[in-house]
Amino acid sequence: MSLINDIDIDKLGHLFLYDPNAPMIFSSGLFLWIFTAFMIIYALLCKRDTSRILFVTLFSYYFYYKSSGIYFFSFGGSYRIRFLCCPMDV
């Protein structure tokens, strides 16, 4: 039980916020731990295709936000404009 009591909620909340002084990069320790958790959850979703695709998409958005910050929102805006203005070829 002491492990659960040692978790600092404030530091845990900072994992989800962009820090311009410390963006997440592939060689950071934080990325290693988050990617390890990603691989475990991905392996558990091996039989559920839709859930697995959604999980990979959400993880990709999270990583892009943590590494790029404000550019994440411009990426989302350009994607929406492309989706609305340019129909997909079938």
Protein backbone atom coordinates (compact mmCIF):
# COMPACT_ATOMS: atom_id res chain seq x y z
CA MET A 1 0.00 0.00 0.00
CA SER A 2 2.90 2.41 0.48
CA LEU A 3 3.50 2.45 -3.28
CA ILE A 4 0.04 3.88 -3.89
CA ASN A 5 0.51 6.44 -1.11
CA ASP A 6 3.82 7.60 -2.66
CA ILE A 7 2.21 8.68 -5.94
CA ASP A 8 2.17 12.47 -6.28
CA ILE A 9 -1.09 13.48 -7.99
CA ASP A 10 0.34 16.86 -9.12
CA LYS A 11 3.24 15.20 -10.94
CA LEU A 12 0.89 12.65 -12.44
CA GLY A 13 -1.25 15.48 -13.84
CA HIS A 14 1.81 17.05 -15.52
CA LEU A 15 2.23 13.89 -17.61
CA PHE A 16 -0.79 14.98 -19.64
CA LEU A 17 0.16 18.64 -20.11
CA TYR A 18 2.57 20.06 -22.68
CA ASP A 19 5.75 21.58 -21.26
CA PRO A 20 7.61 23.72 -23.84
CA ASN A 21 10.83 23.40 -21.83
CA ALA A 22 10.67 19.60 -21.81
CA PRO A 23 8.85 18.17 -24.84
CA MET A 24 8.57 14.40 -25.04
CA ILE A 25 11.11 12.89 -27.39
CA PHE A 26 11.83 9.28 -28.31
CA SER A 27 14.96 9.12 -26.16
CA SER A 28 13.31 10.35 -22.94
CA GLY A 29 12.64 8.08 -19.99
CA LEU A 30 9.01 9.17 -19.93
CA PHE A 31 8.52 7.95 -23.48
CA LEU A 32 10.08 4.60 -22.59
CA TRP A 33 7.62 4.00 -19.74
CA ILE A 34 4.58 5.25 -21.64
CA PHE A 35 5.54 3.20 -24.69
CA THR A 36 5.96 0.10 -22.51
CA ALA A 37 2.44 0.62 -21.15
CA PHE A 38 1.24 1.19 -24.72
CA MET A 39 2.71 -2.13 -25.89
CA ILE A 40 1.12 -4.05 -23.01
CA ILE A 41 -2.33 -2.57 -23.69
CA TYR A 42 -1.86 -3.06 -27.43
CA ALA A 43 -1.09 -6.75 -26.87
CA LEU A 44 -4.22 -7.11 -24.73
CA LEU A 45 -6.31 -5.64 -27.57
CA CYS A 46 -5.01 -8.09 -30.20
CA LYS A 47 -8.46 -9.61 -30.93
CA ARG A 48 -10.39 -6.32 -30.95
CA ASP A 49 -9.55 -4.51 -34.18
CA THR A 50 -11.66 -1.39 -33.68
CA SER A 51 -10.48 -0.86 -30.11
CA ARG A 52 -6.87 -1.40 -31.15
CA ILE A 53 -7.09 1.16 -33.97
CA LEU A 54 -8.76 3.69 -31.68
CA PHE A 55 -6.11 3.11 -29.00
CA VAL A 56 -3.22 3.58 -31.46
CA THR A 57 -4.85 6.74 -32.84
CA LEU A 58 -5.36 8.25 -29.38
CA PHE A 59 -1.81 7.36 -28.31
CA SER A 60 -0.46 8.97 -31.50
CA TYR A 61 -2.42 12.16 -30.81
CA TYR A 62 -1.13 12.20 -27.22
CA PHE A 63 2.49 11.78 -28.33
CA TYR A 64 2.13 14.44 -31.03
CA TYR A 65 0.65 16.85 -28.46
CA LYS A 66 3.38 16.15 -25.88
CA SER A 67 6.13 16.63 -28.44
CA SER A 68 4.73 19.60 -30.40
CA GLY A 69 2.30 21.48 -28.18
CA ILE A 70 0.35 24.16 -30.01
CA TYR A 71 1.10 22.63 -33.42
CA PHE A 72 -1.15 19.75 -32.42
CA PHE A 73 -4.15 22.06 -32.76
CA SER A 74 -3.05 23.31 -36.17
CA PHE A 75 -2.69 19.69 -37.27
CA GLY A 76 -6.25 18.96 -36.10
CA GLY A 77 -7.57 22.08 -37.83
CA SER A 78 -5.87 21.30 -41.12
CA TYR A 79 -7.17 17.74 -40.97
CA ARG A 80 -10.75 18.98 -40.45
CA ILE A 81 -10.45 21.46 -43.32
CA ARG A 82 -9.11 18.74 -45.59
CA PHE A 83 -11.92 16.41 -44.54
CA LEU A 84 -14.65 19.01 -45.12
CA CYS A 85 -13.35 20.60 -48.32
CA CYS A 86 -11.87 17.70 -50.21
CA PRO A 87 -13.98 14.58 -50.56
CA MET A 88 -12.12 11.31 -50.38
CA ASP A 89 -11.62 9.40 -53.60
CA VAL A 90 -13.30 6.03 -53.61
